[in-house]
Amino acid sequence: MASFNLKINKKKYTVEADPNMPLLWALRDVIGLTGTKFGCGIAQCGACTVHLNGDAVRSCSLPISAVGDGEVVTIEGLSENGDHPVQKAWEEVDVMQCGYCQSGQIMSAAALLEKNPNPSDEEISSAMNGNICRCGTYVRIREAVKKAATLK
């Protein structure tokens, strides 16, 4: 066990954990931030996507020891009231069906738009590749990303 000082959603947390514990489990089981979902455990589905220093990362395969003094943002920290442009666009376009993958989808889309405020269809597909939606709402996801770009 080791002690880790994490900065998550602009708050500081001290976590006692095995250095190899995935960030996902520290977020969900230790800190209690359950908006980030477990999907596959091998960084292939995107349900566990969070931001680390502004980049979309898969928290299921990122050891807590790799976070260092980086800033983590989860779906809970994206906005206080669910009013981030991506969240608003998701609602307006009615993207969700089952909703399980959506926190990861939204976090990937938000990271894309932070770096590229007006992405092409190809850039959206590339950035969202690896975020699996078992309900198949990919057309609405692309539409919502485009809508969010106009709301920023």
N, C-alpha and C. Protein backbone atom coordinates (compact mmCIF):
# COMPACT_ATOMS: atom_id res chain seq x y z
N MET A 1 0.84 -1.19 0.00
CA MET A 1 0.00 0.00 0.00
C MET A 1 0.88 1.24 0.00
N ALA A 2 0.36 2.26 -0.65
CA ALA A 2 1.06 3.54 -0.70
C ALA A 2 0.01 4.65 -0.59
N SER A 3 0.46 5.83 -0.33
CA SER A 3 -0.43 6.98 -0.20
C SER A 3 -0.30 7.84 -1.45
N PHE A 4 -1.45 8.21 -2.02
CA PHE A 4 -1.46 9.03 -3.23
C PHE A 4 -2.31 10.27 -2.98
N ASN A 5 -1.76 11.42 -3.32
CA ASN A 5 -2.48 12.68 -3.23
C ASN A 5 -2.99 13.01 -4.63
N LEU A 6 -4.29 12.91 -4.79
CA LEU A 6 -4.90 13.10 -6.10
C LEU A 6 -5.70 14.39 -6.15
N LYS A 7 -5.68 15.04 -7.31
CA LYS A 7 -6.51 16.21 -7.55
C LYS A 7 -7.59 15.78 -8.55
N ILE A 8 -8.82 15.66 -8.04
CA ILE A 8 -9.93 15.17 -8.86
C ILE A 8 -11.07 16.18 -8.78
N ASN A 9 -11.49 16.65 -9.93
CA ASN A 9 -12.60 17.62 -10.01
C ASN A 9 -12.36 18.82 -9.10
N LYS A 10 -11.11 19.30 -9.11
CA LYS A 10 -10.68 20.48 -8.36
C LYS A 10 -10.69 20.29 -6.85
N LYS A 11 -10.78 19.04 -6.40
CA LYS A 11 -10.69 18.74 -4.97
C LYS A 11 -9.50 17.83 -4.75
N LYS A 12 -8.96 17.85 -3.54
CA LYS A 12 -7.82 17.00 -3.21
C LYS A 12 -8.28 15.80 -2.39
N TYR A 13 -7.74 14.65 -2.74
CA TYR A 13 -8.04 13.40 -2.05
C TYR A 13 -6.74 12.70 -1.74
N THR A 14 -6.68 12.07 -0.58
CA THR A 14 -5.57 11.19 -0.25
C THR A 14 -6.12 9.77 -0.26
N VAL A 15 -5.48 8.93 -1.05
CA VAL A 15 -5.95 7.56 -1.22
C VAL A 15 -4.83 6.60 -0.84
N GLU A 16 -5.14 5.65 0.01
CA GLU A 16 -4.22 4.58 0.35
C GLU A 16 -4.57 3.40 -0.55
N ALA A 17 -3.61 3.00 -1.39
CA ALA A 17 -3.92 1.93 -2.35
C ALA A 17 -2.65 1.29 -2.86
N ASP A 18 -2.83 0.12 -3.44
CA ASP A 18 -1.75 -0.54 -4.15
C ASP A 18 -1.40 0.36 -5.35
N PRO A 19 -0.13 0.61 -5.63
CA PRO A 19 0.25 1.46 -6.75
C PRO A 19 -0.30 1.00 -8.10
N ASN A 20 -0.60 -0.29 -8.22
CA ASN A 20 -1.12 -0.82 -9.48
C ASN A 20 -2.64 -0.75 -9.58
N MET A 21 -3.31 -0.28 -8.54
CA MET A 21 -4.78 -0.16 -8.60
C MET A 21 -5.16 0.76 -9.75
N PRO A 22 -6.06 0.32 -10.62
CA PRO A 22 -6.53 1.22 -11.68
C PRO A 22 -7.22 2.45 -11.09
N LEU A 23 -7.01 3.58 -11.73
CA LEU A 23 -7.64 4.82 -11.30
C LEU A 23 -9.15 4.64 -11.18
N LEU A 24 -9.74 3.87 -12.08
CA LEU A 24 -11.19 3.63 -12.05
C LEU A 24 -11.66 3.16 -10.68
N TRP A 25 -10.95 2.20 -10.09
CA TRP A 25 -11.38 1.66 -8.80
C TRP A 25 -11.15 2.64 -7.68
N ALA A 26 -10.11 3.46 -7.78
CA ALA A 26 -9.92 4.51 -6.78
C ALA A 26 -11.08 5.50 -6.86
N LEU A 27 -11.46 5.87 -8.06
CA LEU A 27 -12.57 6.81 -8.24
C LEU A 27 -13.88 6.24 -7.69
N ARG A 28 -14.21 5.02 -8.13
CA ARG A 28 -15.50 4.43 -7.78
C ARG A 28 -15.56 3.89 -6.35
N ASP A 29 -14.59 3.05 -5.99
CA ASP A 29 -14.68 2.30 -4.74
C ASP A 29 -14.10 3.03 -3.54
N VAL A 30 -13.10 3.86 -3.75
CA VAL A 30 -12.47 4.54 -2.63
C VAL A 30 -13.07 5.94 -2.44
N ILE A 31 -13.18 6.70 -3.52
CA ILE A 31 -13.64 8.09 -3.42
C ILE A 31 -15.17 8.18 -3.52
N GLY A 32 -15.80 7.26 -4.24
CA GLY A 32 -17.26 7.27 -4.35
C GLY A 32 -17.81 8.01 -5.55
N LEU A 33 -16.96 8.29 -6.53
CA LEU A 33 -17.42 8.94 -7.76
C LEU A 33 -17.80 7.84 -8.76
N THR A 34 -19.06 7.51 -8.82
CA THR A 34 -19.51 6.34 -9.59
C THR A 34 -20.02 6.67 -10.99
N GLY A 35 -19.87 7.90 -11.43
CA GLY A 35 -20.30 8.25 -12.78
C GLY A 35 -19.44 7.62 -13.85
N THR A 36 -18.19 7.38 -13.54
CA THR A 36 -17.27 6.70 -14.46
C THR A 36 -17.56 5.21 -14.37
N LYS A 37 -17.80 4.59 -15.50
CA LYS A 37 -18.28 3.20 -15.52
C LYS A 37 -17.17 2.20 -15.87
N PHE A 38 -17.35 0.98 -15.39
CA PHE A 38 -16.51 -0.15 -15.78
C PHE A 38 -17.19 -0.83 -16.95
N GLY A 39 -16.43 -1.05 -18.01
CA GLY A 39 -16.99 -1.74 -19.16
C GLY A 39 -16.25 -3.02 -19.47
N CYS A 40 -14.96 -2.89 -19.77
CA CYS A 40 -14.22 -4.06 -20.23
C CYS A 40 -12.99 -4.37 -19.38
N GLY A 41 -12.39 -3.37 -18.78
CA GLY A 41 -11.19 -3.57 -17.97
C GLY A 41 -9.90 -3.63 -18.75
N ILE A 42 -9.98 -3.47 -20.07
CA ILE A 42 -8.77 -3.53 -20.91
C ILE A 42 -8.64 -2.33 -21.84
N ALA A 43 -9.30 -1.24 -21.51
CA ALA A 43 -9.20 0.03 -22.24
C ALA A 43 -9.68 -0.06 -23.69
N GLN A 44 -10.66 -0.90 -23.94
CA GLN A 44 -11.15 -1.07 -25.31
C GLN A 44 -12.54 -0.49 -25.56
N CYS A 45 -13.33 -0.24 -24.50
CA CYS A 45 -14.72 0.18 -24.73
C CYS A 45 -14.97 1.66 -24.47
N GLY A 46 -14.16 2.30 -23.65
CA GLY A 46 -14.29 3.73 -23.40
C GLY A 46 -15.26 4.13 -22.31
N ALA A 47 -15.96 3.20 -21.68
CA ALA A 47 -16.93 3.55 -20.63
C ALA A 47 -16.26 4.23 -19.45
N CYS A 48 -14.98 3.97 -19.25
CA CYS A 48 -14.25 4.49 -18.08
C CYS A 48 -13.48 5.77 -18.38
N THR A 49 -13.76 6.43 -19.49
CA THR A 49 -12.98 7.60 -19.90
C THR A 49 -13.13 8.77 -18.93
N VAL A 50 -11.98 9.31 -18.54
CA VAL A 50 -11.89 10.52 -17.73
C VAL A 50 -10.84 11.41 -18.39
N HIS A 51 -10.69 12.61 -17.89
CA HIS A 51 -9.63 13.49 -18.38
C HIS A 51 -8.48 13.49 -17.39
N LEU A 52 -7.27 13.40 -17.91
CA LEU A 52 -6.06 13.58 -17.12
C LEU A 52 -5.28 14.68 -17.80
N ASN A 53 -5.18 15.82 -17.12
CA ASN A 53 -4.53 17.00 -17.69
C ASN A 53 -5.13 17.37 -19.04
N GLY A 54 -6.44 17.22 -19.17
CA GLY A 54 -7.15 17.62 -20.38
C GLY A 54 -7.23 16.56 -21.46
N ASP A 55 -6.53 15.46 -21.29
CA ASP A 55 -6.57 14.39 -22.29
C ASP A 55 -7.53 13.30 -21.86
N ALA A 56 -8.27 12.75 -22.81
CA ALA A 56 -9.15 11.62 -22.52
C ALA A 56 -8.29 10.38 -22.31
N VAL A 57 -8.47 9.73 -21.16
CA VAL A 57 -7.72 8.51 -20.84
C VAL A 57 -8.68 7.45 -20.33
N ARG A 58 -8.28 6.20 -20.45
CA ARG A 58 -9.07 5.07 -19.97
C ARG A 58 -8.63 4.76 -18.54
N SER A 59 -9.50 5.03 -17.60
CA SER A 59 -9.14 4.89 -16.19
C SER A 59 -9.08 3.44 -15.73
N CYS A 60 -9.62 2.51 -16.51
CA CYS A 60 -9.59 1.10 -16.09
C CYS A 60 -8.20 0.49 -16.22
N SER A 61 -7.35 1.09 -17.04
CA SER A 61 -6.02 0.54 -17.26
C SER A 61 -4.90 1.49 -16.82
N LEU A 62 -5.27 2.62 -16.26
CA LEU A 62 -4.28 3.60 -15.80
C LEU A 62 -4.04 3.38 -14.31
N PRO A 63 -2.84 2.92 -13.95
CA PRO A 63 -2.56 2.71 -12.51
C PRO A 63 -2.60 4.04 -11.76
N ILE A 64 -3.09 4.00 -10.56
CA ILE A 64 -3.18 5.20 -9.73
C ILE A 64 -1.80 5.85 -9.59
N SER A 65 -0.75 5.05 -9.59
CA SER A 65 0.62 5.58 -9.45
C SER A 65 1.04 6.42 -10.65
N ALA A 66 0.38 6.25 -11.81
CA ALA A 66 0.73 7.01 -13.01
C ALA A 66 0.09 8.40 -13.04
N VAL A 67 -0.84 8.66 -12.15
CA VAL A 67 -1.54 9.95 -12.14
C VAL A 67 -0.61 11.06 -11.66
N GLY A 68 0.24 10.74 -10.70
CA GLY A 68 1.18 11.74 -10.18
C GLY A 68 0.45 12.96 -9.66
N ASP A 69 0.93 14.14 -10.07
CA ASP A 69 0.28 15.38 -9.63
C ASP A 69 -0.67 15.91 -10.70
N GLY A 70 -1.07 15.04 -11.61
CA GLY A 70 -1.98 15.43 -12.68
C GLY A 70 -3.37 15.76 -12.16
N GLU A 71 -4.11 16.48 -12.98
CA GLU A 71 -5.49 16.84 -12.64
C GLU A 71 -6.45 15.93 -13.37
N VAL A 72 -7.29 15.27 -12.59
CA VAL A 72 -8.29 14.34 -13.13
C VAL A 72 -9.65 15.02 -13.11
N VAL A 73 -10.38 14.87 -14.20
CA VAL A 73 -11.76 15.34 -14.25
C VAL A 73 -12.62 14.14 -14.65
N THR A 74 -13.65 13.90 -13.85
CA THR A 74 -14.62 12.84 -14.15
C THR A 74 -15.90 13.49 -14.67
N ILE A 75 -16.86 12.66 -15.05
CA ILE A 75 -18.14 13.20 -15.52
C ILE A 75 -18.77 14.09 -14.46
N GLU A 76 -18.57 13.78 -13.17
CA GLU A 76 -19.13 14.61 -12.11
C GLU A 76 -18.50 15.99 -12.07
N GLY A 77 -17.26 16.11 -12.55
CA GLY A 77 -16.55 17.38 -12.51
C GLY A 77 -16.60 18.16 -13.80
N LEU A 78 -17.24 17.61 -14.82
CA LEU A 78 -17.31 18.31 -16.11
C LEU A 78 -18.09 19.61 -15.97
N SER A 79 -19.17 19.59 -15.20
CA SER A 79 -19.94 20.79 -14.89
C SER A 79 -20.72 20.54 -13.61
N GLU A 80 -21.03 21.61 -12.91
CA GLU A 80 -21.75 21.46 -11.65
C GLU A 80 -23.21 21.09 -11.85
N ASN A 81 -23.81 21.60 -12.92
CA ASN A 81 -25.25 21.45 -13.11
C ASN A 81 -25.62 20.69 -14.37
N GLY A 82 -24.69 19.95 -14.95
CA GLY A 82 -24.99 19.25 -16.20
C GLY A 82 -25.17 20.19 -17.36
N ASP A 83 -24.53 21.37 -17.28
CA ASP A 83 -24.73 22.36 -18.33
C ASP A 83 -23.51 22.58 -19.23
N HIS A 84 -22.60 21.63 -19.21
CA HIS A 84 -21.48 21.68 -20.16
C HIS A 84 -22.09 21.58 -21.56
N PRO A 85 -21.53 22.26 -22.55
CA PRO A 85 -22.10 22.20 -23.90
C PRO A 85 -22.31 20.77 -24.43
N VAL A 86 -21.40 19.87 -24.11
CA VAL A 86 -21.57 18.48 -24.59
C VAL A 86 -22.77 17.83 -23.89
N GLN A 87 -22.90 18.06 -22.60
CA GLN A 87 -24.04 17.49 -21.88
C GLN A 87 -25.36 18.06 -22.40
N LYS A 88 -25.39 19.36 -22.65
CA LYS A 88 -26.60 19.99 -23.19
C LYS A 88 -26.93 19.44 -24.57
N ALA A 89 -25.91 19.28 -25.41
CA ALA A 89 -26.14 18.75 -26.75
C ALA A 89 -26.63 17.31 -26.69
N TRP A 90 -26.08 16.52 -25.78
CA TRP A 90 -26.51 15.12 -25.62
C TRP A 90 -28.01 15.06 -25.33
N GLU A 91 -28.47 15.97 -24.48
CA GLU A 91 -29.90 16.01 -24.16
C GLU A 91 -30.73 16.49 -25.34
N GLU A 92 -30.28 17.56 -25.99
CA GLU A 92 -31.03 18.12 -27.11
C GLU A 92 -31.18 17.13 -28.26
N VAL A 93 -30.13 16.37 -28.52
CA VAL A 93 -30.15 15.40 -29.62
C VAL A 93 -30.79 14.08 -29.18
N ASP A 94 -30.95 13.90 -27.88
CA ASP A 94 -31.52 12.68 -27.31
C ASP A 94 -30.67 11.46 -27.69
N VAL A 95 -29.38 11.57 -27.37
CA VAL A 95 -28.42 10.52 -27.73
C VAL A 95 -28.69 9.21 -27.01
N MET A 96 -28.96 9.28 -25.73
CA MET A 96 -28.95 8.07 -24.90
C MET A 96 -30.10 7.11 -25.18
N GLN A 97 -29.74 5.83 -25.09
CA GLN A 97 -30.74 4.79 -25.01
C GLN A 97 -30.58 4.15 -23.63
N CYS A 98 -29.67 3.20 -23.50
CA CYS A 98 -29.48 2.61 -22.16
C CYS A 98 -28.67 3.54 -21.27
N GLY A 99 -27.75 4.31 -21.86
CA GLY A 99 -26.98 5.30 -21.12
C GLY A 99 -25.69 4.83 -20.49
N TYR A 100 -25.43 3.54 -20.49
CA TYR A 100 -24.27 3.02 -19.76
C TYR A 100 -22.95 3.62 -20.25
N CYS A 101 -22.78 3.75 -21.54
CA CYS A 101 -21.51 4.23 -22.09
C CYS A 101 -21.40 5.75 -22.12
N GLN A 102 -22.49 6.42 -21.82
CA GLN A 102 -22.56 7.85 -22.11
C GLN A 102 -21.58 8.72 -21.34
N SER A 103 -21.25 8.41 -20.09
CA SER A 103 -20.28 9.26 -19.41
C SER A 103 -18.93 9.21 -20.13
N GLY A 104 -18.53 8.04 -20.59
CA GLY A 104 -17.29 7.92 -21.35
C GLY A 104 -17.37 8.62 -22.69
N GLN A 105 -18.51 8.49 -23.35
CA GLN A 105 -18.71 9.17 -24.64
C GLN A 105 -18.61 10.68 -24.46
N ILE A 106 -19.30 11.19 -23.45
CA ILE A 106 -19.31 12.64 -23.20
C ILE A 106 -17.91 13.14 -22.85
N MET A 107 -17.17 12.38 -22.06
CA MET A 107 -15.81 12.81 -21.69
C MET A 107 -14.89 12.82 -22.90
N SER A 108 -15.03 11.84 -23.78
CA SER A 108 -14.21 11.83 -25.01
C SER A 108 -14.58 13.01 -25.90
N ALA A 109 -15.87 13.28 -26.05
CA ALA A 109 -16.32 14.40 -26.89
C ALA A 109 -15.85 15.73 -26.31
N ALA A 110 -15.93 15.89 -25.00
CA ALA A 110 -15.50 17.14 -24.37
C ALA A 110 -14.00 17.37 -24.58
N ALA A 111 -13.21 16.31 -24.45
CA ALA A 111 -11.76 16.45 -24.68
C ALA A 111 -11.48 16.83 -26.13
N LEU A 112 -12.20 16.22 -27.06
CA LEU A 112 -12.03 16.56 -28.48
C LEU A 112 -12.32 18.03 -28.70
N LEU A 113 -13.47 18.51 -28.23
CA LEU A 113 -13.88 19.89 -28.49
C LEU A 113 -12.99 20.90 -27.79
N GLU A 114 -12.37 20.51 -26.70
CA GLU A 114 -11.43 21.41 -26.03
C GLU A 114 -10.20 21.65 -26.91
N LYS A 115 -9.79 20.63 -27.62
CA LYS A 115 -8.60 20.72 -28.47
C LYS A 115 -8.95 21.17 -29.90
N ASN A 116 -10.14 20.83 -30.35
CA ASN A 116 -10.57 21.12 -31.72
C ASN A 116 -12.02 21.58 -31.68
N PRO A 117 -12.28 22.88 -31.58
CA PRO A 117 -13.64 23.37 -31.39
C PRO A 117 -14.58 23.20 -32.58
N ASN A 118 -14.04 22.84 -33.74
CA ASN A 118 -14.90 22.67 -34.92
C ASN A 118 -14.44 21.45 -35.72
N PRO A 119 -14.59 20.26 -35.16
CA PRO A 119 -14.07 19.07 -35.83
C PRO A 119 -14.92 18.63 -37.02
N SER A 120 -14.25 18.03 -37.99
CA SER A 120 -14.93 17.43 -39.14
C SER A 120 -15.52 16.09 -38.72
N ASP A 121 -16.34 15.51 -39.59
CA ASP A 121 -16.89 14.18 -39.33
C ASP A 121 -15.78 13.16 -39.11
N GLU A 122 -14.73 13.24 -39.92
CA GLU A 122 -13.60 12.31 -39.79
C GLU A 122 -12.90 12.49 -38.44
N GLU A 123 -12.71 13.74 -38.02
CA GLU A 123 -12.05 14.01 -36.74
C GLU A 123 -12.91 13.53 -35.57
N ILE A 124 -14.21 13.69 -35.70
CA ILE A 124 -15.12 13.20 -34.65
C ILE A 124 -15.03 11.68 -34.59
N SER A 125 -15.10 11.03 -35.73
CA SER A 125 -15.02 9.56 -35.75
C SER A 125 -13.71 9.07 -35.17
N SER A 126 -12.62 9.73 -35.51
CA SER A 126 -11.31 9.33 -35.00
C SER A 126 -11.23 9.50 -33.49
N ALA A 127 -11.71 10.63 -32.98
CA ALA A 127 -11.64 10.90 -31.54
C ALA A 127 -12.56 9.98 -30.75
N MET A 128 -13.69 9.63 -31.33
CA MET A 128 -14.68 8.81 -30.63
C MET A 128 -14.46 7.32 -30.86
N ASN A 129 -13.54 6.98 -31.76
CA ASN A 129 -13.24 5.57 -32.02
C ASN A 129 -12.72 4.93 -30.74
N GLY A 130 -13.26 3.80 -30.40
CA GLY A 130 -12.85 3.16 -29.16
C GLY A 130 -13.85 3.38 -28.05
N ASN A 131 -14.81 4.28 -28.25
CA ASN A 131 -15.93 4.43 -27.33
C ASN A 131 -17.08 3.62 -27.92
N ILE A 132 -17.33 2.48 -27.34
CA ILE A 132 -18.34 1.58 -27.88
C ILE A 132 -19.71 1.90 -27.28
N CYS A 133 -20.69 1.98 -28.15
CA CYS A 133 -22.09 2.14 -27.74
C CYS A 133 -22.83 0.90 -28.18
N ARG A 134 -23.18 0.07 -27.24
CA ARG A 134 -23.84 -1.19 -27.59
C ARG A 134 -25.24 -0.97 -28.16
N CYS A 135 -25.81 0.21 -27.91
CA CYS A 135 -27.12 0.52 -28.47
C CYS A 135 -27.01 1.07 -29.90
N GLY A 136 -25.80 1.42 -30.32
CA GLY A 136 -25.58 1.86 -31.69
C GLY A 136 -26.02 3.28 -31.99
N THR A 137 -25.88 4.18 -31.05
CA THR A 137 -26.34 5.56 -31.27
C THR A 137 -25.26 6.44 -31.91
N TYR A 138 -24.42 5.86 -32.71
CA TYR A 138 -23.27 6.60 -33.27
C TYR A 138 -23.66 7.81 -34.11
N VAL A 139 -24.74 7.71 -34.88
CA VAL A 139 -25.17 8.83 -35.70
C VAL A 139 -25.59 10.00 -34.79
N ARG A 140 -26.32 9.69 -33.73
CA ARG A 140 -26.74 10.75 -32.81
C ARG A 140 -25.55 11.29 -32.01
N ILE A 141 -24.59 10.44 -31.71
CA ILE A 141 -23.38 10.91 -31.01
C ILE A 141 -22.66 11.93 -31.88
N ARG A 142 -22.46 11.62 -33.15
CA ARG A 142 -21.78 12.57 -34.05
C ARG A 142 -22.58 13.87 -34.15
N GLU A 143 -23.89 13.75 -34.25
CA GLU A 143 -24.74 14.94 -34.32
C GLU A 143 -24.61 15.77 -33.05
N ALA A 144 -24.57 15.12 -31.91
CA ALA A 144 -24.45 15.84 -30.63
C ALA A 144 -23.09 16.53 -30.51
N VAL A 145 -22.03 15.90 -30.98
CA VAL A 145 -20.70 16.54 -30.94
C VAL A 145 -20.72 17.80 -31.79
N LYS A 146 -21.33 17.71 -32.98
CA LYS A 146 -21.43 18.89 -33.84
C LYS A 146 -22.27 19.98 -33.18
N LYS A 147 -23.36 19.59 -32.55
CA LYS A 147 -24.23 20.54 -31.86
C LYS A 147 -23.46 21.20 -30.72
N ALA A 148 -22.72 20.42 -29.94
CA ALA A 148 -21.95 20.96 -28.82
C ALA A 148 -20.93 21.99 -29.30
N ALA A 149 -20.37 21.77 -30.47
CA ALA A 149 -19.39 22.71 -31.02
C ALA A 149 -20.03 24.10 -31.25
N THR A 150 -21.32 24.11 -31.53
CA THR A 150 -22.00 25.41 -31.74
C THR A 150 -22.43 26.05 -30.43
N LEU A 151 -22.45 25.29 -29.35
CA LEU A 151 -22.90 25.80 -28.06
C LEU A 151 -21.77 26.39 -27.23
N LYS A 152 -20.52 26.15 -27.62
CA LYS A 152 -19.37 26.60 -26.80
C LYS A 152 -19.25 28.10 -26.82
